[in-house]
Amino acid sequence: MQDTVVIIGAGVAGLAAAVECAAAGRRVLVFERNQYAGGRARSFRDDTTGDIVDNGQHLLMGCYAATRRFLRRIGTEHLTQLQPSLRIPYLRAVFATAEFSAVRLPAPFHVLGGLLRFTPLSSSERWQLRMLAGSLLASSKWKEQELDTMTADEWLTSLGQGPEARRYLWDVITIGALNDHPKNVSALLLYRVLRTAFFGARTNASLMIPTVGLSES
């Protein structure tokens, strides 16, 4: 008799587990209390505007290896666009614009070079980025245990990241990648995301944006 795997919850994690189990030849039963799958990663139509609005994380990164594998498994990775190199455009006050772009260097220097020439930050704030870079370079079990007791907000503050660096970089990345404010996110999670994004392939740091609503992808 074929083994049956029972999965409680049809969020992204539950669906990914179901797909992997099915690929391994298991019979899968997924139980979900809602009338839709996807958990928080879904779309809905706004009653006022009629627009399709995403509820949940819409912005992904190239370093999301497990998510990209899941999308390939279900045949929807083509519904996303991955930047060839990290680029974040900003619209500032009085319609001024700014842009963060990785430079043409191997990782992690492509991101570091982009940070050092990011003009919305003062020279002192750009200099202070070295504190965060140094923290990312240091990896140990003890360090991860320490970060697991802190919020991302506490970690960034301890590294002297100023208000503009927070506004234009770290808060944007934290909310975009982890779907919550730094005060509510584990420092360990942000540390792991940044290490994975900045080290390894250049496209690890690139933004990956769905071209359709989450319910379609």
C-alpha atoms as a PDB file:
ATOM      1  CA  MET A   1       0.000   0.000   0.000  1.00  0.00           C
ATOM      2  CA  GLN A   2       1.305   3.434  -0.937  1.00  0.00           C
ATOM      3  CA  ASP A   3       2.314   5.621   1.997  1.00  0.00           C
ATOM      4  CA  THR A   4       0.073   8.650   2.556  1.00  0.00           C
ATOM      5  CA  VAL A   5       1.423  11.940   3.833  1.00  0.00           C
ATOM      6  CA  VAL A   6      -1.030  14.267   5.570  1.00  0.00           C
ATOM      7  CA  ILE A   7      -0.191  17.974   5.491  1.00  0.00           C
ATOM      8  CA  ILE A   8      -2.049  20.460   7.661  1.00  0.00           C
ATOM      9  CA  GLY A   9      -2.249  23.866   6.015  1.00  0.00           C
ATOM     10  CA  ALA A  10      -2.085  24.855   2.348  1.00  0.00           C
ATOM     11  CA  GLY A  11       0.184  27.853   2.734  1.00  0.00           C
ATOM     12  CA  VAL A  12       3.342  28.112   0.647  1.00  0.00           C
ATOM     13  CA  ALA A  13       5.270  25.817   3.012  1.00  0.00           C
ATOM     14  CA  GLY A  14       2.502  23.223   3.016  1.00  0.00           C
ATOM     15  CA  LEU A  15       2.151  23.307  -0.768  1.00  0.00           C
ATOM     16  CA  ALA A  16       5.914  23.036  -1.249  1.00  0.00           C
ATOM     17  CA  ALA A  17       6.027  20.043   1.082  1.00  0.00           C
ATOM     18  CA  ALA A  18       3.130  18.448  -0.793  1.00  0.00           C
ATOM     19  CA  VAL A  19       4.871  18.902  -4.139  1.00  0.00           C
ATOM     20  CA  GLU A  20       8.109  17.381  -2.847  1.00  0.00           C
ATOM     21  CA  CYS A  21       6.286  14.418  -1.320  1.00  0.00           C
ATOM     22  CA  ALA A  22       4.325  13.829  -4.519  1.00  0.00           C
ATOM     23  CA  ALA A  23       7.537  13.961  -6.548  1.00  0.00           C
ATOM     24  CA  ALA A  24       8.937  11.277  -4.237  1.00  0.00           C
ATOM     25  CA  GLY A  25       5.993   9.039  -5.086  1.00  0.00           C
ATOM     26  CA  ARG A  26       3.917   9.573  -1.956  1.00  0.00           C
ATOM     27  CA  ARG A  27       0.162   9.991  -1.856  1.00  0.00           C
ATOM     28  CA  VAL A  28      -0.586  13.389  -0.347  1.00  0.00           C
ATOM     29  CA  LEU A  29      -3.607  14.761   1.484  1.00  0.00           C
ATOM     30  CA  VAL A  30      -3.612  18.497   2.232  1.00  0.00           C
ATOM     31  CA  PHE A  31      -6.082  19.948   4.731  1.00  0.00           C
ATOM     32  CA  GLU A  32      -6.833  23.674   4.710  1.00  0.00           C
ATOM     33  CA  ARG A  33      -9.505  25.521   6.673  1.00  0.00           C
ATOM     34  CA  ASN A  34      -9.852  28.334   4.120  1.00  0.00           C
ATOM     35  CA  GLN A  35     -11.520  28.124   0.736  1.00  0.00           C
ATOM     36  CA  TYR A  36      -8.258  28.969  -1.025  1.00  0.00           C
ATOM     37  CA  ALA A  37      -4.663  27.769  -1.015  1.00  0.00           C
ATOM     38  CA  GLY A  38      -1.544  29.869  -0.602  1.00  0.00           C
ATOM     39  CA  GLY A  39      -2.030  31.215   2.917  1.00  0.00           C
ATOM     40  CA  ARG A  40      -0.985  34.861   3.074  1.00  0.00           C
ATOM     41  CA  ALA A  41       0.460  34.661  -0.440  1.00  0.00           C
ATOM     42  CA  ARG A  42      -2.716  35.307  -2.370  1.00  0.00           C
ATOM     43  CA  SER A  43      -4.484  38.042  -4.321  1.00  0.00           C
ATOM     44  CA  PHE A  44      -7.900  39.628  -3.906  1.00  0.00           C
ATOM     45  CA  ARG A  45      -9.957  42.180  -5.820  1.00  0.00           C
ATOM     46  CA  ASP A  46     -10.383  45.515  -4.086  1.00  0.00           C
ATOM     47  CA  ASP A  47     -14.086  46.350  -3.878  1.00  0.00           C
ATOM     48  CA  THR A  48     -13.517  50.087  -4.327  1.00  0.00           C
ATOM     49  CA  THR A  49     -11.031  50.219  -7.204  1.00  0.00           C
ATOM     50  CA  GLY A  50     -11.551  46.816  -8.776  1.00  0.00           C
ATOM     51  CA  ASP A  51      -7.771  46.330  -8.778  1.00  0.00           C
ATOM     52  CA  ILE A  52      -6.092  43.031  -7.987  1.00  0.00           C
ATOM     53  CA  VAL A  53      -4.130  43.465  -4.752  1.00  0.00           C
ATOM     54  CA  ASP A  54      -1.535  41.068  -3.339  1.00  0.00           C
ATOM     55  CA  ASN A  55      -1.849  40.062   0.293  1.00  0.00           C
ATOM     56  CA  GLY A  56       1.540  38.884   1.492  1.00  0.00           C
ATOM     57  CA  GLN A  57       5.025  38.925   0.091  1.00  0.00           C
ATOM     58  CA  HIS A  58       5.240  40.017  -3.548  1.00  0.00           C
ATOM     59  CA  LEU A  59       8.961  40.800  -3.679  1.00  0.00           C
ATOM     60  CA  LEU A  60      11.405  37.883  -3.828  1.00  0.00           C
ATOM     61  CA  MET A  61      15.177  37.696  -4.188  1.00  0.00           C
ATOM     62  CA  GLY A  62      17.444  35.593  -6.344  1.00  0.00           C
ATOM     63  CA  CYS A  63      18.819  33.849  -3.248  1.00  0.00           C
ATOM     64  CA  TYR A  64      15.425  32.251  -2.508  1.00  0.00           C
ATOM     65  CA  ALA A  65      16.584  28.871  -3.782  1.00  0.00           C
ATOM     66  CA  ALA A  66      13.795  26.817  -2.182  1.00  0.00           C
ATOM     67  CA  THR A  67      11.055  29.161  -3.423  1.00  0.00           C
ATOM     68  CA  ARG A  68      12.475  29.164  -6.942  1.00  0.00           C
ATOM     69  CA  ARG A  69      12.646  25.364  -6.886  1.00  0.00           C
ATOM     70  CA  PHE A  70       8.993  25.220  -5.822  1.00  0.00           C
ATOM     71  CA  LEU A  71       7.975  27.575  -8.649  1.00  0.00           C
ATOM     72  CA  ARG A  72       9.881  25.442 -11.142  1.00  0.00           C
ATOM     73  CA  ARG A  73       8.171  22.307  -9.794  1.00  0.00           C
ATOM     74  CA  ILE A  74       4.704  23.750 -10.352  1.00  0.00           C
ATOM     75  CA  GLY A  75       5.649  25.357 -13.665  1.00  0.00           C
ATOM     76  CA  THR A  76       5.232  29.037 -12.766  1.00  0.00           C
ATOM     77  CA  GLU A  77       8.787  30.387 -12.498  1.00  0.00           C
ATOM     78  CA  HIS A  78       8.306  31.971 -15.938  1.00  0.00           C
ATOM     79  CA  LEU A  79       5.716  34.263 -14.328  1.00  0.00           C
ATOM     80  CA  THR A  80       8.512  36.069 -12.480  1.00  0.00           C
ATOM     81  CA  GLN A  81      11.293  38.387 -13.605  1.00  0.00           C
ATOM     82  CA  LEU A  82      14.758  38.189 -12.049  1.00  0.00           C
ATOM     83  CA  GLN A  83      17.000  41.231 -12.404  1.00  0.00           C
ATOM     84  CA  PRO A  84      20.346  40.461 -14.094  1.00  0.00           C
ATOM     85  CA  SER A  85      21.932  42.674 -11.434  1.00  0.00           C
ATOM     86  CA  LEU A  86      20.521  44.333  -8.313  1.00  0.00           C
ATOM     87  CA  ARG A  87      18.858  47.662  -9.037  1.00  0.00           C
ATOM     88  CA  ILE A  88      16.446  49.578  -6.775  1.00  0.00           C
ATOM     89  CA  PRO A  89      14.970  52.880  -8.056  1.00  0.00           C
ATOM     90  CA  TYR A  90      13.673  55.369  -5.485  1.00  0.00           C
ATOM     91  CA  LEU A  91      11.242  58.258  -5.761  1.00  0.00           C
ATOM     92  CA  ARG A  92      12.196  60.884  -3.208  1.00  0.00           C
ATOM     93  CA  ALA A  93      10.557  64.090  -1.953  1.00  0.00           C
ATOM     94  CA  VAL A  94       9.751  66.778  -4.543  1.00  0.00           C
ATOM     95  CA  PHE A  95       9.861  64.079  -7.226  1.00  0.00           C
ATOM     96  CA  ALA A  96      13.624  63.707  -7.030  1.00  0.00           C
ATOM     97  CA  THR A  97      14.900  60.263  -7.931  1.00  0.00           C
ATOM     98  CA  ALA A  98      17.730  58.070  -6.744  1.00  0.00           C
ATOM     99  CA  GLU A  99      18.923  54.617  -7.595  1.00  0.00           C
ATOM    100  CA  PHE A 100      20.879  51.884  -5.906  1.00  0.00           C
ATOM    101  CA  SER A 101      22.734  49.722  -8.423  1.00  0.00           C
ATOM    102  CA  ALA A 102      25.274  46.973  -7.962  1.00  0.00           C
ATOM    103  CA  VAL A 103      28.562  47.601  -9.749  1.00  0.00           C
ATOM    104  CA  ARG A 104      30.292  45.287 -12.213  1.00  0.00           C
ATOM    105  CA  LEU A 105      32.419  43.390  -9.724  1.00  0.00           C
ATOM    106  CA  PRO A 106      32.267  39.836  -8.343  1.00  0.00           C
ATOM    107  CA  ALA A 107      30.125  39.212  -5.258  1.00  0.00           C
ATOM    108  CA  PRO A 108      30.136  40.564  -2.599  1.00  0.00           C
ATOM    109  CA  PHE A 109      32.002  43.608  -3.971  1.00  0.00           C
ATOM    110  CA  HIS A 110      29.211  44.311  -6.486  1.00  0.00           C
ATOM    111  CA  VAL A 111      26.846  45.215  -3.637  1.00  0.00           C
ATOM    112  CA  LEU A 112      29.499  46.885  -1.489  1.00  0.00           C
ATOM    113  CA  GLY A 113      30.523  49.098  -4.401  1.00  0.00           C
ATOM    114  CA  GLY A 114      26.904  50.053  -4.968  1.00  0.00           C
ATOM    115  CA  LEU A 115      26.484  50.934  -1.304  1.00  0.00           C
ATOM    116  CA  LEU A 116      29.581  53.133  -1.243  1.00  0.00           C
ATOM    117  CA  ARG A 117      28.315  55.250  -4.138  1.00  0.00           C
ATOM    118  CA  PHE A 118      24.667  55.456  -3.050  1.00  0.00           C
ATOM    119  CA  THR A 119      24.172  59.233  -2.952  1.00  0.00           C
ATOM    120  CA  PRO A 120      21.093  59.503  -0.660  1.00  0.00           C
ATOM    121  CA  LEU A 121      23.392  58.453   2.191  1.00  0.00           C
ATOM    122  CA  SER A 122      25.824  60.927   3.688  1.00  0.00           C
ATOM    123  CA  SER A 123      29.524  60.095   3.553  1.00  0.00           C
ATOM    124  CA  SER A 124      29.456  59.269   7.275  1.00  0.00           C
ATOM    125  CA  GLU A 125      26.520  56.869   6.845  1.00  0.00           C
ATOM    126  CA  ARG A 126      28.232  55.216   3.896  1.00  0.00           C
ATOM    127  CA  TRP A 127      31.339  54.831   6.041  1.00  0.00           C
ATOM    128  CA  GLN A 128      29.235  53.291   8.806  1.00  0.00           C
ATOM    129  CA  LEU A 129      28.112  50.562   6.393  1.00  0.00           C
ATOM    130  CA  ARG A 130      31.450  48.899   7.053  1.00  0.00           C
ATOM    131  CA  MET A 131      30.094  47.862  10.468  1.00  0.00           C
ATOM    132  CA  LEU A 132      27.313  45.850   8.882  1.00  0.00           C
ATOM    133  CA  ALA A 133      29.654  44.423   6.241  1.00  0.00           C
ATOM    134  CA  GLY A 134      32.010  43.270   8.987  1.00  0.00           C
ATOM    135  CA  SER A 135      29.157  41.656  10.892  1.00  0.00           C
ATOM    136  CA  LEU A 136      28.053  39.754   7.791  1.00  0.00           C
ATOM    137  CA  LEU A 137      31.572  38.466   7.198  1.00  0.00           C
ATOM    138  CA  ALA A 138      31.770  37.024  10.717  1.00  0.00           C
ATOM    139  CA  SER A 139      29.960  33.691  10.956  1.00  0.00           C
ATOM    140  CA  SER A 140      29.869  31.368  13.943  1.00  0.00           C
ATOM    141  CA  LYS A 141      27.440  29.315  16.003  1.00  0.00           C
ATOM    142  CA  TRP A 142      27.895  31.755  18.886  1.00  0.00           C
ATOM    143  CA  LYS A 143      27.066  34.734  16.676  1.00  0.00           C
ATOM    144  CA  GLU A 144      23.885  33.086  15.383  1.00  0.00           C
ATOM    145  CA  GLN A 145      22.807  32.281  18.937  1.00  0.00           C
ATOM    146  CA  GLU A 146      23.287  35.942  19.892  1.00  0.00           C
ATOM    147  CA  LEU A 147      21.363  37.214  16.866  1.00  0.00           C
ATOM    148  CA  ASP A 148      18.528  34.803  17.628  1.00  0.00           C
ATOM    149  CA  THR A 149      17.845  36.798  20.816  1.00  0.00           C
ATOM    150  CA  MET A 150      17.625  40.156  18.998  1.00  0.00           C
ATOM    151  CA  THR A 151      15.235  41.856  16.616  1.00  0.00           C
ATOM    152  CA  ALA A 152      16.507  43.128  13.281  1.00  0.00           C
ATOM    153  CA  ASP A 153      15.883  46.653  14.553  1.00  0.00           C
ATOM    154  CA  GLU A 154      18.134  46.072  17.589  1.00  0.00           C
ATOM    155  CA  TRP A 155      20.862  44.531  15.439  1.00  0.00           C
ATOM    156  CA  LEU A 156      20.877  47.371  12.901  1.00  0.00           C
ATOM    157  CA  THR A 157      20.926  49.947  15.707  1.00  0.00           C
ATOM    158  CA  SER A 158      23.863  48.191  17.379  1.00  0.00           C
ATOM    159  CA  LEU A 159      25.778  48.452  14.081  1.00  0.00           C
ATOM    160  CA  GLY A 160      25.238  52.215  13.935  1.00  0.00           C
ATOM    161  CA  GLN A 161      23.038  52.204  10.854  1.00  0.00           C
ATOM    162  CA  GLY A 162      21.659  55.726  10.608  1.00  0.00           C
ATOM    163  CA  PRO A 163      18.132  56.877   9.722  1.00  0.00           C
ATOM    164  CA  GLU A 164      18.807  57.297   5.988  1.00  0.00           C
ATOM    165  CA  ALA A 165      20.522  53.908   5.700  1.00  0.00           C
ATOM    166  CA  ARG A 166      17.530  52.410   7.458  1.00  0.00           C
ATOM    167  CA  ARG A 167      15.016  54.308   5.335  1.00  0.00           C
ATOM    168  CA  TYR A 168      16.560  53.592   1.948  1.00  0.00           C
ATOM    169  CA  LEU A 169      18.181  50.196   2.489  1.00  0.00           C
ATOM    170  CA  TRP A 170      17.713  47.971   5.496  1.00  0.00           C
ATOM    171  CA  ASP A 171      14.069  48.681   6.341  1.00  0.00           C
ATOM    172  CA  VAL A 172      13.163  48.344   2.644  1.00  0.00           C
ATOM    173  CA  ILE A 173      14.994  45.028   2.344  1.00  0.00           C
ATOM    174  CA  THR A 174      13.607  43.688   5.626  1.00  0.00           C
ATOM    175  CA  ILE A 175       9.994  44.520   4.807  1.00  0.00           C
ATOM    176  CA  GLY A 176      10.360  43.369   1.207  1.00  0.00           C
ATOM    177  CA  ALA A 177      12.176  40.112   1.932  1.00  0.00           C
ATOM    178  CA  LEU A 178      10.721  39.133   5.312  1.00  0.00           C
ATOM    179  CA  ASN A 179       7.302  40.773   5.033  1.00  0.00           C
ATOM    180  CA  ASP A 180       7.419  42.659   8.319  1.00  0.00           C
ATOM    181  CA  HIS A 181       8.964  45.666  10.053  1.00  0.00           C
ATOM    182  CA  PRO A 182      12.491  45.228  11.511  1.00  0.00           C
ATOM    183  CA  LYS A 183      11.049  45.617  15.024  1.00  0.00           C
ATOM    184  CA  ASN A 184       9.064  42.420  14.472  1.00  0.00           C
ATOM    185  CA  VAL A 185      11.686  40.361  12.604  1.00  0.00           C
ATOM    186  CA  SER A 186      14.430  38.176  14.029  1.00  0.00           C
ATOM    187  CA  ALA A 187      17.918  39.579  13.554  1.00  0.00           C
ATOM    188  CA  LEU A 188      19.069  36.060  12.725  1.00  0.00           C
ATOM    189  CA  LEU A 189      16.634  35.826   9.806  1.00  0.00           C
ATOM    190  CA  LEU A 190      17.783  39.157   8.348  1.00  0.00           C
ATOM    191  CA  TYR A 191      21.448  38.232   8.871  1.00  0.00           C
ATOM    192  CA  ARG A 192      20.948  34.965   6.979  1.00  0.00           C
ATOM    193  CA  VAL A 193      19.080  36.677   4.149  1.00  0.00           C
ATOM    194  CA  LEU A 194      21.787  39.323   3.736  1.00  0.00           C
ATOM    195  CA  ARG A 195      24.611  36.780   3.869  1.00  0.00           C
ATOM    196  CA  THR A 196      22.895  34.584   1.294  1.00  0.00           C
ATOM    197  CA  ALA A 197      22.061  37.579  -0.901  1.00  0.00           C
ATOM    198  CA  PHE A 198      25.459  39.286  -0.819  1.00  0.00           C
ATOM    199  CA  PHE A 199      27.712  36.235  -1.004  1.00  0.00           C
ATOM    200  CA  GLY A 200      27.654  33.676  -3.793  1.00  0.00           C
ATOM    201  CA  ALA A 201      26.203  34.315  -7.240  1.00  0.00           C
ATOM    202  CA  ARG A 202      25.723  37.944  -8.313  1.00  0.00           C
ATOM    203  CA  THR A 203      22.022  37.320  -8.934  1.00  0.00           C
ATOM    204  CA  ASN A 204      21.536  36.187  -5.321  1.00  0.00           C
ATOM    205  CA  ALA A 205      20.998  39.853  -4.435  1.00  0.00           C
ATOM    206  CA  SER A 206      18.803  40.588  -7.446  1.00  0.00           C
ATOM    207  CA  LEU A 207      15.111  41.277  -6.983  1.00  0.00           C
ATOM    208  CA  MET A 208      12.670  38.710  -8.320  1.00  0.00           C
ATOM    209  CA  ILE A 209       9.254  40.182  -9.037  1.00  0.00           C
ATOM    210  CA  PRO A 210       6.127  38.250 -10.046  1.00  0.00           C
ATOM    211  CA  THR A 211       4.514  39.594 -13.213  1.00  0.00           C
ATOM    212  CA  VAL A 212       1.048  38.412 -12.124  1.00  0.00           C
ATOM    213  CA  GLY A 213      -0.896  38.384  -8.871  1.00  0.00           C
ATOM    214  CA  LEU A 214       0.170  35.900  -6.214  1.00  0.00           C
ATOM    215  CA  SER A 215      -2.922  33.758  -6.725  1.00  0.00           C
ATOM    216  CA  GLU A 216      -1.862  33.238 -10.339  1.00  0.00           C
ATOM    217  CA  SER A 217       1.767  32.432  -9.633  1.00  0.00           C
END
